[in-house]
Amino acid sequence: MSDTIQSNQIVSLPQAGSGPKYRRVADAIQSAIRSGDLAAGDRLPPVRELAWSLGITPGTVARAYTVLTDAGHAVAEVGRGTFVAPRANGHNGPTRDYVTAPKRDGKTSLVTPQLPDLGQIALLRSTLARVGDAAPERLLRYPTRDAYRPLREAAVHWLRTIPLGHVTESDVVLVNGAQNGLGVILQTILRGPTPTILVEDMAYPGFRRAAELLRTDAIGLPSDDNGICPDALERVARDTRAQVLCTSPDVHNPTLLSTPSHRRRAISEVCRALDLQIIEDDCYRRTDMTAPSYRILAPERTWHVASISKVLTPALRVGFAIAPPGRGQDLRQTAEYGFFGLAQPLAEICEQILTDPQTEAIVASIRAHMAEYVRVAVNALGTHNLTWHEDVPFLWLPLPQGWRAASFCRAAEERDIQIRSADEFALRDGRAPHAVRIAVNAQIPLHQFESAMTQLRDLLEHPPEQISI
């Protein structure tokens, strides 16, 4: 390779080096940026011109430019070319621009929480490139159990801030997202032709759907301000001979209720007395929780489910199912019988992301950014009976007199705002309160989100003259 000069830019490229050619080109340009030979705003040579000068294919140069733009070192402008990215805080480094999602069907979707991009896209793209450059023979083999060990160890480290008690990598089974983990756990522990699971009267719909897939009955339990009522749990469990309690004690979805320590202890005692297994869903993780998990209170019967979907990205579909001590082999066998394990490249990508020094800072930034949206919602709707927490990307809103959930959702949609009715969280034969769940969508500008909150406030303050029935 030789030097090439274009528009007062000098890119020195090595004659030899390790790694693929596109990576050497990208590294050389990045080195020129660090040294100051290329300044912010400088235009990089056109792809074909640089390829001709270096004696390589245009595709190789184009891939190098993609690496640079994905990492935030360059910016591609349609019709103009590729330029050195502006400096951030005096240094060239990855930029963290928000992904702005267009409206869906012309409506602002507040149905499912949407995370902003605060660096995870660039991190994911660079990780994908590194894994793609790995030893090719790894892409032609069935993965072994030992091949997943690095990710299991990374998962243990990732979950270290949750009060789970002693967890080893042998307790962790890798699954395709938390919903898959829930199904794998139920397959492992349910017995008999017509098993029964217990959930809150208002609960995460995934519990019900997993039960339906396994031809299992799901029975609802009443709750109060502290969570599941222990007396009702004991009565219903005895009457139905239920085998499993499925619950989200830290952040109940959709009400945001958090079960305090004394209630968790009472529930644990009932489960132990009746030999109920516990599945603890911890996908919405709060940073200020101090109550012990069920895995601490009843470790011999608690199965824990977590994922990276709600705090980093839902795109990877990677989750962690944690078995009680000594039951890891049973859970792993179910997963292997069902799908042989995660795809090996996916496992490597996730392991590198979880161990990357940037990741925890990115997660903290995402939480802080989502909290801004929550505060905007509270400012707009706080005079109503709103339940919220800055760590949780949705809000629970019981409706004032004059509104029913279905009619309120229809009225919101007429104003191009989509939200979820409480009915979607009730069992099929259960009753739901007149309430709605409002998700934080941080992929739309904050002012657009604020406008949606203002519209909802106006609806709350002007109920219809007649209640829909």
Protein backbone atom coordinates (compact mmCIF):
# COMPACT_ATOMS: atom_id res chain seq x y z
CA MET A 1 0.00 0.00 0.00
CA SER A 2 1.11 3.59 -0.52
CA ASP A 3 0.14 7.08 0.61
CA THR A 4 -2.74 8.85 -1.08
CA ILE A 5 -3.45 12.59 -1.01
CA GLN A 6 -6.92 14.03 -1.57
CA SER A 7 -8.07 17.60 -0.69
CA ASN A 8 -5.12 18.29 1.65
CA GLN A 9 -5.70 15.01 3.50
CA ILE A 10 -2.93 12.49 4.06
CA VAL A 11 -3.78 8.92 5.01
CA SER A 12 -0.73 6.76 5.72
CA LEU A 13 -1.54 3.08 5.31
CA PRO A 14 0.71 0.21 6.42
CA GLN A 15 2.47 -2.01 3.94
CA ALA A 16 1.66 -5.06 6.05
CA GLY A 17 -0.11 -5.94 9.20
CA SER A 18 -2.42 -8.40 10.86
CA GLY A 19 -6.13 -8.65 10.21
CA PRO A 20 -8.24 -8.18 7.08
CA LYS A 21 -7.47 -5.39 4.66
CA TYR A 22 -10.58 -3.36 5.44
CA ARG A 23 -9.63 -3.34 9.12
CA ARG A 24 -6.07 -2.16 8.30
CA VAL A 25 -7.49 0.65 6.16
CA ALA A 26 -9.87 1.71 8.94
CA ASP A 27 -7.11 1.55 11.56
CA ALA A 28 -4.79 3.67 9.41
CA ILE A 29 -7.44 6.35 8.90
CA GLN A 30 -8.28 6.34 12.59
CA SER A 31 -4.58 6.73 13.37
CA ALA A 32 -4.42 9.74 11.05
CA ILE A 33 -7.39 11.26 12.88
CA ARG A 34 -5.74 10.78 16.27
CA SER A 35 -2.47 12.27 15.06
CA GLY A 36 -4.20 15.34 13.63
CA ASP A 37 -3.29 14.61 10.02
CA LEU A 38 -7.03 14.40 9.43
CA ALA A 39 -9.16 17.01 11.16
CA ALA A 40 -12.86 17.08 12.02
CA GLY A 41 -14.83 17.93 8.86
CA ASP A 42 -12.13 16.78 6.43
CA ARG A 43 -13.48 14.81 3.49
CA LEU A 44 -12.11 11.31 3.05
CA PRO A 45 -11.09 10.25 -0.47
CA PRO A 46 -13.89 8.80 -2.61
CA VAL A 47 -14.12 5.02 -2.32
CA ARG A 48 -13.03 4.24 -5.88
CA GLU A 49 -10.19 6.75 -5.81
CA LEU A 50 -8.73 5.36 -2.58
CA ALA A 51 -9.22 1.79 -3.78
CA TRP A 52 -7.33 2.52 -7.02
CA SER A 53 -4.50 4.24 -5.11
CA LEU A 54 -4.12 1.31 -2.70
CA GLY A 55 -4.59 -1.44 -5.25
CA ILE A 56 -7.56 -2.97 -3.43
CA THR A 57 -11.24 -3.42 -4.26
CA PRO A 58 -13.79 -0.64 -3.75
CA GLY A 59 -15.76 -3.04 -1.55
CA THR A 60 -12.82 -3.24 0.87
CA VAL A 61 -12.64 0.54 1.19
CA ALA A 62 -16.41 0.80 1.53
CA ARG A 63 -16.33 -1.71 4.39
CA ALA A 64 -13.54 0.27 6.09
CA TYR A 65 -15.62 3.44 5.84
CA THR A 66 -18.59 1.59 7.33
CA VAL A 67 -16.45 0.53 10.30
CA LEU A 68 -15.41 4.16 10.83
CA THR A 69 -18.95 5.53 10.59
CA ASP A 70 -20.38 2.81 12.86
CA ALA A 71 -17.75 3.66 15.47
CA GLY A 72 -18.52 7.37 15.19
CA HIS A 73 -15.15 8.39 13.71
CA ALA A 74 -16.64 9.38 10.36
CA VAL A 75 -19.95 10.67 9.02
CA ALA A 76 -21.40 9.64 5.64
CA GLU A 77 -23.51 12.26 3.86
CA VAL A 78 -25.58 11.17 0.89
CA GLY A 79 -24.34 12.77 -2.33
CA ARG A 80 -21.39 14.51 -0.63
CA GLY A 81 -19.09 11.77 0.64
CA THR A 82 -17.59 10.63 3.94
CA PHE A 83 -16.15 13.11 6.43
CA VAL A 84 -14.18 12.96 9.67
CA ALA A 85 -16.71 13.22 12.50
CA PRO A 86 -16.86 16.36 14.68
CA ARG A 87 -14.86 16.25 17.87
CA ALA A 88 -16.71 15.57 21.11
CA ASN A 89 -15.27 17.29 24.23
CA GLY A 90 -12.05 17.92 22.39
CA HIS A 91 -11.57 14.29 21.30
CA ASN A 92 -12.55 12.27 18.31
CA GLY A 93 -14.62 9.36 19.58
CA PRO A 94 -17.89 7.59 19.13
CA THR A 95 -20.84 9.91 18.80
CA ARG A 96 -24.05 9.07 20.63
CA ASP A 97 -26.94 10.25 18.53
CA TYR A 98 -30.51 9.29 19.32
CA VAL A 99 -32.40 6.98 17.04
CA THR A 100 -35.61 8.75 16.20
CA ALA A 101 -38.47 6.39 15.40
CA PRO A 102 -41.10 7.65 12.99
CA LYS A 103 -44.70 7.44 14.08
CA ARG A 104 -46.32 4.07 13.49
CA ASP A 105 -49.32 4.35 11.21
CA GLY A 106 -49.18 8.07 11.88
CA LYS A 107 -49.56 7.54 15.63
CA THR A 108 -47.26 8.03 18.64
CA SER A 109 -46.79 4.53 20.05
CA LEU A 110 -46.62 4.37 23.85
CA VAL A 111 -47.51 0.68 23.94
CA THR A 112 -44.06 -0.83 24.53
CA PRO A 113 -41.03 0.90 26.10
CA GLN A 114 -38.51 2.00 23.46
CA LEU A 115 -34.87 2.60 24.40
CA PRO A 116 -32.80 5.47 22.99
CA ASP A 117 -29.48 4.81 21.27
CA LEU A 118 -26.80 6.17 23.59
CA GLY A 119 -23.90 4.17 22.22
CA GLN A 120 -25.19 0.61 22.15
CA ILE A 121 -25.71 0.57 18.37
CA ALA A 122 -22.07 1.46 17.67
CA LEU A 123 -20.97 -1.03 20.32
CA LEU A 124 -23.13 -3.76 18.80
CA ARG A 125 -21.90 -3.07 15.28
CA SER A 126 -18.23 -3.12 16.25
CA THR A 127 -18.81 -6.32 18.22
CA LEU A 128 -20.54 -7.93 15.25
CA ALA A 129 -17.49 -7.09 13.10
CA ARG A 130 -15.09 -8.61 15.63
CA VAL A 131 -17.10 -11.80 15.95
CA GLY A 132 -17.37 -12.01 12.15
CA ASP A 133 -13.58 -11.91 11.90
CA ALA A 134 -13.19 -14.81 14.37
CA ALA A 135 -11.70 -18.17 13.44
CA PRO A 136 -13.86 -19.47 10.58
CA GLU A 137 -13.98 -23.05 11.87
CA ARG A 138 -16.08 -21.84 14.82
CA LEU A 139 -18.81 -20.94 12.34
CA LEU A 140 -19.11 -24.53 11.09
CA ARG A 141 -19.43 -26.48 14.35
CA TYR A 142 -22.11 -27.27 16.86
CA PRO A 143 -21.15 -25.36 20.01
CA THR A 144 -20.14 -27.31 23.08
CA ARG A 145 -21.37 -26.61 26.58
CA ASP A 146 -17.94 -25.25 27.51
CA ALA A 147 -18.13 -22.79 24.62
CA TYR A 148 -20.93 -20.97 26.45
CA ARG A 149 -19.06 -20.72 29.73
CA PRO A 150 -17.63 -17.20 29.08
CA LEU A 151 -21.15 -15.82 28.55
CA ARG A 152 -22.50 -17.58 31.63
CA GLU A 153 -19.69 -16.06 33.67
CA ALA A 154 -20.38 -12.66 32.11
CA ALA A 155 -24.05 -13.06 33.05
CA VAL A 156 -23.15 -13.74 36.69
CA HIS A 157 -21.07 -10.56 36.69
CA TRP A 158 -23.88 -8.62 34.96
CA LEU A 159 -26.38 -9.70 37.62
CA ARG A 160 -24.07 -9.05 40.57
CA THR A 161 -26.00 -5.98 41.79
CA ILE A 162 -29.22 -7.97 42.25
CA PRO A 163 -29.63 -9.55 45.71
CA LEU A 164 -29.76 -13.14 44.46
CA GLY A 165 -27.54 -14.86 46.97
CA HIS A 166 -24.74 -17.11 45.75
CA VAL A 167 -24.93 -17.69 41.98
CA THR A 168 -22.40 -19.60 39.89
CA GLU A 169 -22.16 -19.96 36.14
CA SER A 170 -23.43 -23.55 36.46
CA ASP A 171 -26.75 -22.17 37.77
CA VAL A 172 -27.24 -20.04 34.63
CA VAL A 173 -28.88 -21.31 31.46
CA LEU A 174 -28.78 -19.09 28.38
CA VAL A 175 -32.10 -18.59 26.65
CA ASN A 176 -33.56 -16.65 23.72
CA GLY A 177 -34.97 -13.83 25.79
CA ALA A 178 -36.87 -13.85 29.07
CA GLN A 179 -40.09 -15.19 27.55
CA ASN A 180 -38.22 -18.21 26.23
CA GLY A 181 -36.62 -18.58 29.65
CA LEU A 182 -40.04 -18.64 31.30
CA GLY A 183 -41.17 -21.42 28.98
CA VAL A 184 -38.01 -23.46 29.52
CA ILE A 185 -38.39 -23.22 33.31
CA LEU A 186 -42.05 -24.26 33.19
CA GLN A 187 -41.16 -27.22 30.98
CA THR A 188 -38.57 -28.25 33.54
CA ILE A 189 -40.75 -28.14 36.65
CA LEU A 190 -44.37 -28.83 35.63
CA ARG A 191 -45.64 -32.35 36.20
CA GLY A 192 -48.84 -34.24 35.41
CA PRO A 193 -51.46 -33.99 32.63
CA THR A 194 -53.17 -30.74 33.76
CA PRO A 195 -50.79 -28.65 35.87
CA THR A 196 -51.74 -25.24 37.27
CA ILE A 197 -49.71 -22.07 37.75
CA LEU A 198 -50.62 -19.04 39.84
CA VAL A 199 -50.19 -15.39 38.84
CA GLU A 200 -51.44 -12.05 40.10
CA ASP A 201 -54.94 -11.06 38.94
CA MET A 202 -53.19 -8.34 36.93
CA ALA A 203 -49.96 -9.71 35.51
CA TYR A 204 -47.42 -9.68 32.70
CA PRO A 205 -49.27 -11.28 29.74
CA GLY A 206 -46.27 -13.51 29.00
CA PHE A 207 -47.11 -15.66 32.04
CA ARG A 208 -50.54 -16.42 30.58
CA ARG A 209 -49.19 -17.05 27.08
CA ALA A 210 -46.53 -19.46 28.34
CA ALA A 211 -49.21 -21.34 30.26
CA GLU A 212 -51.40 -21.59 27.17
CA LEU A 213 -48.53 -22.97 25.08
CA LEU A 214 -47.95 -25.69 27.66
CA ARG A 215 -51.69 -26.42 28.04
CA THR A 216 -51.50 -25.27 31.63
CA ASP A 217 -54.18 -23.52 33.65
CA ALA A 218 -53.30 -20.02 34.94
CA ILE A 219 -55.23 -18.94 38.04
CA GLY A 220 -55.27 -15.36 39.31
CA LEU A 221 -54.44 -14.24 42.85
CA PRO A 222 -55.73 -11.10 44.56
CA SER A 223 -53.21 -8.49 45.68
CA ASP A 224 -53.17 -5.48 47.97
CA ASP A 225 -50.75 -2.56 48.26
CA ASN A 226 -47.97 -4.96 49.35
CA GLY A 227 -48.43 -7.53 46.61
CA ILE A 228 -49.93 -11.03 46.60
CA CYS A 229 -52.10 -11.75 49.64
CA PRO A 230 -50.54 -14.74 51.47
CA ASP A 231 -53.88 -16.05 52.79
CA ALA A 232 -55.36 -16.07 49.30
CA LEU A 233 -52.20 -17.71 47.95
CA GLU A 234 -52.51 -20.52 50.48
CA ARG A 235 -56.22 -21.04 49.85
CA VAL A 236 -56.02 -21.02 46.04
CA ALA A 237 -52.89 -23.16 45.95
CA ARG A 238 -54.56 -25.81 48.12
CA ASP A 239 -57.78 -25.75 46.11
CA THR A 240 -56.08 -25.99 42.71
CA ARG A 241 -53.03 -28.08 43.69
CA ALA A 242 -50.94 -25.51 41.85
CA GLN A 243 -47.29 -26.25 41.24
CA VAL A 244 -45.80 -22.83 40.44
CA LEU A 245 -46.16 -19.18 41.46
CA CYS A 246 -45.10 -16.71 38.74
CA THR A 247 -44.46 -13.20 40.00
CA SER A 248 -42.52 -9.96 39.43
CA PRO A 249 -41.83 -8.75 42.99
CA ASP A 250 -39.49 -5.82 42.25
CA VAL A 251 -41.48 -4.13 39.48
CA HIS A 252 -44.95 -5.53 39.02
CA ASN A 253 -46.06 -5.16 35.43
CA PRO A 254 -48.28 -3.16 34.88
CA THR A 255 -48.92 -1.51 38.28
CA LEU A 256 -45.26 -0.84 39.31
CA LEU A 257 -46.06 -2.24 42.75
CA SER A 258 -43.02 -3.52 44.66
CA THR A 259 -43.43 -6.29 47.21
CA PRO A 260 -41.70 -5.35 50.52
CA SER A 261 -39.50 -7.72 52.49
CA HIS A 262 -42.04 -8.77 55.11
CA ARG A 263 -44.60 -9.76 52.47
CA ARG A 264 -41.98 -11.68 50.47
CA ARG A 265 -41.10 -13.64 53.59
CA ALA A 266 -44.74 -14.51 54.20
CA ILE A 267 -45.18 -15.62 50.58
CA SER A 268 -42.00 -17.70 50.78
CA GLU A 269 -43.30 -19.50 53.86
CA VAL A 270 -46.56 -20.40 52.10
CA CYS A 271 -44.68 -21.67 49.04
CA ARG A 272 -42.39 -23.78 51.18
CA ALA A 273 -45.26 -25.25 53.17
CA LEU A 274 -47.19 -26.20 50.01
CA ASP A 275 -44.13 -27.12 47.93
CA LEU A 276 -44.84 -24.38 45.39
CA GLN A 277 -42.01 -23.51 43.00
CA ILE A 278 -41.44 -19.78 42.42
CA ILE A 279 -40.57 -18.13 39.12
CA GLU A 280 -39.25 -14.63 39.72
CA ASP A 281 -39.33 -12.34 36.67
CA ASP A 282 -36.78 -9.53 37.05
CA CYS A 283 -36.65 -8.02 33.56
CA TYR A 284 -37.54 -4.51 34.78
CA ARG A 285 -34.73 -3.96 37.25
CA ARG A 286 -34.71 -1.04 39.67
CA THR A 287 -31.41 0.31 40.99
CA ASP A 288 -32.72 1.12 44.47
CA MET A 289 -34.16 -2.26 45.47
CA THR A 290 -32.98 -3.55 48.85
CA ALA A 291 -35.59 -6.26 49.50
CA PRO A 292 -34.17 -9.79 49.23
CA SER A 293 -35.11 -11.81 46.18
CA TYR A 294 -37.09 -15.01 46.50
CA ARG A 295 -33.89 -16.78 45.52
CA ILE A 296 -32.43 -15.61 48.85
CA LEU A 297 -35.58 -16.28 50.87
CA ALA A 298 -36.40 -19.65 49.30
CA PRO A 299 -33.34 -20.66 47.27
CA GLU A 300 -34.31 -24.33 46.99
CA ARG A 301 -37.46 -23.50 44.96
CA THR A 302 -36.83 -20.18 43.21
CA TRP A 303 -36.14 -19.83 39.47
CA HIS A 304 -35.01 -16.38 38.37
CA VAL A 305 -35.43 -14.85 34.89
CA ALA A 306 -33.55 -11.79 33.62
CA SER A 307 -32.50 -10.30 30.29
CA ILE A 308 -30.79 -7.32 28.68
CA SER A 309 -33.86 -6.30 26.66
CA LYS A 310 -35.22 -3.61 28.97
CA VAL A 311 -31.92 -1.94 29.86
CA LEU A 312 -29.65 -2.29 26.80
CA THR A 313 -31.31 -3.68 23.66
CA PRO A 314 -34.15 -6.10 22.92
CA ALA A 315 -32.69 -6.92 19.50
CA LEU A 316 -30.32 -9.67 20.64
CA ARG A 317 -33.04 -11.76 22.34
CA VAL A 318 -30.68 -13.04 25.02
CA GLY A 319 -31.89 -13.90 28.49
CA PHE A 320 -30.69 -15.69 31.61
CA ALA A 321 -32.63 -18.38 33.45
CA ILE A 322 -31.15 -19.11 36.87
CA ALA A 323 -31.97 -22.42 38.51
CA PRO A 324 -32.11 -23.19 42.23
CA PRO A 325 -28.83 -24.61 43.57
CA GLY A 326 -28.33 -28.10 42.19
CA ARG A 327 -31.04 -27.79 39.50
CA GLY A 328 -28.90 -26.20 36.79
CA GLN A 329 -28.41 -29.52 35.01
CA ASP A 330 -32.18 -30.12 34.82
CA LEU A 331 -32.78 -26.68 33.34
CA ARG A 332 -29.88 -26.98 30.92
CA GLN A 333 -31.15 -30.33 29.69
CA THR A 334 -34.57 -28.83 28.90
CA ALA A 335 -32.94 -26.02 26.92
CA GLU A 336 -30.68 -28.38 25.01
CA TYR A 337 -33.56 -30.70 24.18
CA GLY A 338 -35.58 -27.75 22.96
CA PHE A 339 -33.12 -25.72 20.88
CA PHE A 340 -29.56 -27.02 21.50
CA GLY A 341 -28.55 -23.67 23.03
CA LEU A 342 -27.98 -20.16 21.72
CA ALA A 343 -26.36 -19.64 18.35
CA GLN A 344 -22.63 -19.53 19.06
CA PRO A 345 -22.00 -16.19 17.27
CA LEU A 346 -24.85 -14.64 19.26
CA ALA A 347 -23.36 -15.94 22.50
CA GLU A 348 -19.97 -14.46 21.61
CA ILE A 349 -21.53 -11.10 20.73
CA CYS A 350 -23.42 -10.94 24.00
CA GLU A 351 -20.39 -12.02 26.04
CA GLN A 352 -18.23 -9.29 24.51
CA ILE A 353 -20.91 -6.65 25.07
CA LEU A 354 -21.48 -7.60 28.71
CA THR A 355 -17.74 -7.49 29.43
CA ASP A 356 -17.04 -4.31 27.46
CA PRO A 357 -16.04 -1.40 29.75
CA GLN A 358 -18.43 0.93 27.89
CA THR A 359 -21.55 -1.11 28.56
CA GLU A 360 -22.31 -0.15 32.15
CA ALA A 361 -21.85 3.54 31.34
CA ILE A 362 -24.21 3.16 28.38
CA VAL A 363 -26.84 1.49 30.58
CA ALA A 364 -26.52 4.29 33.15
CA SER A 365 -26.97 6.88 30.38
CA ILE A 366 -30.04 5.07 29.06
CA ARG A 367 -31.59 5.00 32.52
CA ALA A 368 -30.92 8.71 33.02
CA HIS A 369 -32.37 9.56 29.62
CA MET A 370 -35.49 7.45 30.15
CA ALA A 371 -35.93 9.13 33.54
CA GLU A 372 -36.20 12.51 31.76
CA TYR A 373 -39.23 11.20 29.87
CA VAL A 374 -40.76 9.82 33.07
CA ARG A 375 -40.39 13.21 34.74
CA VAL A 376 -42.07 14.91 31.78
CA ALA A 377 -44.99 12.49 32.13
CA VAL A 378 -45.22 13.13 35.87
CA ASN A 379 -45.22 16.90 35.34
CA ALA A 380 -48.12 16.55 32.93
CA LEU A 381 -50.17 13.84 34.67
CA GLY A 382 -49.04 14.04 38.29
CA THR A 383 -52.25 15.66 39.55
CA HIS A 384 -54.01 12.39 38.73
CA ASN A 385 -53.61 9.04 40.48
CA LEU A 386 -50.37 8.20 38.69
CA THR A 387 -47.88 5.50 39.76
CA TRP A 388 -44.34 5.89 38.50
CA HIS A 389 -40.65 5.36 39.23
CA GLU A 390 -37.72 6.96 37.40
CA ASP A 391 -36.09 3.54 36.86
CA VAL A 392 -39.17 2.05 35.21
CA PRO A 393 -40.01 2.85 31.57
CA PHE A 394 -43.77 2.83 31.96
CA LEU A 395 -46.43 4.48 34.13
CA TRP A 396 -49.70 3.17 35.58
CA LEU A 397 -52.71 5.45 35.47
CA PRO A 398 -56.03 4.53 37.14
CA LEU A 399 -58.65 6.59 35.36
CA PRO A 400 -60.87 9.19 37.02
CA GLN A 401 -64.62 8.82 37.27
CA GLY A 402 -66.26 9.14 33.89
CA TRP A 403 -63.70 7.12 31.96
CA ARG A 404 -63.52 3.42 31.20
CA ALA A 405 -60.23 1.96 29.99
CA ALA A 406 -61.46 0.91 26.54
CA SER A 407 -63.08 4.26 25.76
CA PHE A 408 -60.05 6.18 27.05
CA CYS A 409 -57.73 4.17 24.79
CA ARG A 410 -60.01 4.82 21.83
CA ALA A 411 -60.11 8.54 22.60
CA ALA A 412 -56.29 8.59 22.86
CA GLU A 413 -55.98 6.82 19.52
CA GLU A 414 -58.24 9.40 17.93
CA ARG A 415 -55.55 11.87 18.98
CA ASP A 416 -52.89 9.61 17.41
CA ILE A 417 -51.62 8.20 20.73
CA GLN A 418 -51.47 4.46 21.37
CA ILE A 419 -51.48 3.15 24.97
CA ARG A 420 -52.42 -0.16 26.64
CA SER A 421 -55.62 -0.87 28.52
CA ALA A 422 -55.53 -2.72 31.84
CA ASP A 423 -57.62 -5.41 30.14
CA GLU A 424 -54.52 -6.62 28.32
CA PHE A 425 -52.93 -7.60 31.65
CA ALA A 426 -55.92 -9.47 33.09
CA LEU A 427 -56.55 -13.19 32.75
CA ARG A 428 -59.02 -14.06 30.02
CA ASP A 429 -61.83 -14.65 32.51
CA GLY A 430 -60.61 -12.01 34.97
CA ARG A 431 -61.72 -8.47 35.68
CA ALA A 432 -59.53 -5.43 35.14
CA PRO A 433 -59.70 -1.96 36.73
CA HIS A 434 -60.33 1.11 34.62
CA ALA A 435 -56.68 1.98 34.16
CA VAL A 436 -54.05 2.26 31.43
CA ARG A 437 -50.34 1.64 31.10
CA ILE A 438 -48.29 4.36 29.38
CA ALA A 439 -44.88 3.26 28.07
CA VAL A 440 -41.91 5.55 27.63
CA ASN A 441 -40.86 5.84 24.00
CA ALA A 442 -37.44 7.48 24.04
CA GLN A 443 -37.05 7.02 20.29
CA ILE A 444 -39.24 10.04 19.69
CA PRO A 445 -38.14 13.59 20.55
CA LEU A 446 -38.88 14.66 24.11
CA HIS A 447 -41.11 17.50 22.93
CA GLN A 448 -43.25 15.02 20.97
CA PHE A 449 -43.57 12.82 24.05
CA GLU A 450 -44.47 15.86 26.14
CA SER A 451 -47.14 16.81 23.61
CA ALA A 452 -48.64 13.33 23.91
CA MET A 453 -48.73 13.69 27.72
CA THR A 454 -50.49 17.03 27.37
CA GLN A 455 -53.08 15.42 25.10
CA LEU A 456 -53.69 12.64 27.63
CA ARG A 457 -54.06 15.20 30.43
CA ASP A 458 -56.67 17.03 28.40
CA LEU A 459 -58.60 13.78 27.94
CA LEU A 460 -58.44 13.02 31.67
CA GLU A 461 -59.85 16.42 32.50
CA HIS A 462 -62.70 16.13 29.99
CA PRO A 463 -64.39 12.76 30.39
CA PRO A 464 -67.33 11.97 28.11
CA GLU A 465 -70.77 12.96 29.28
CA GLN A 466 -71.92 9.36 29.01
CA ILE A 467 -69.89 6.35 30.11
CA SER A 468 -69.49 3.74 27.41
CA ILE A 469 -70.86 0.32 28.33
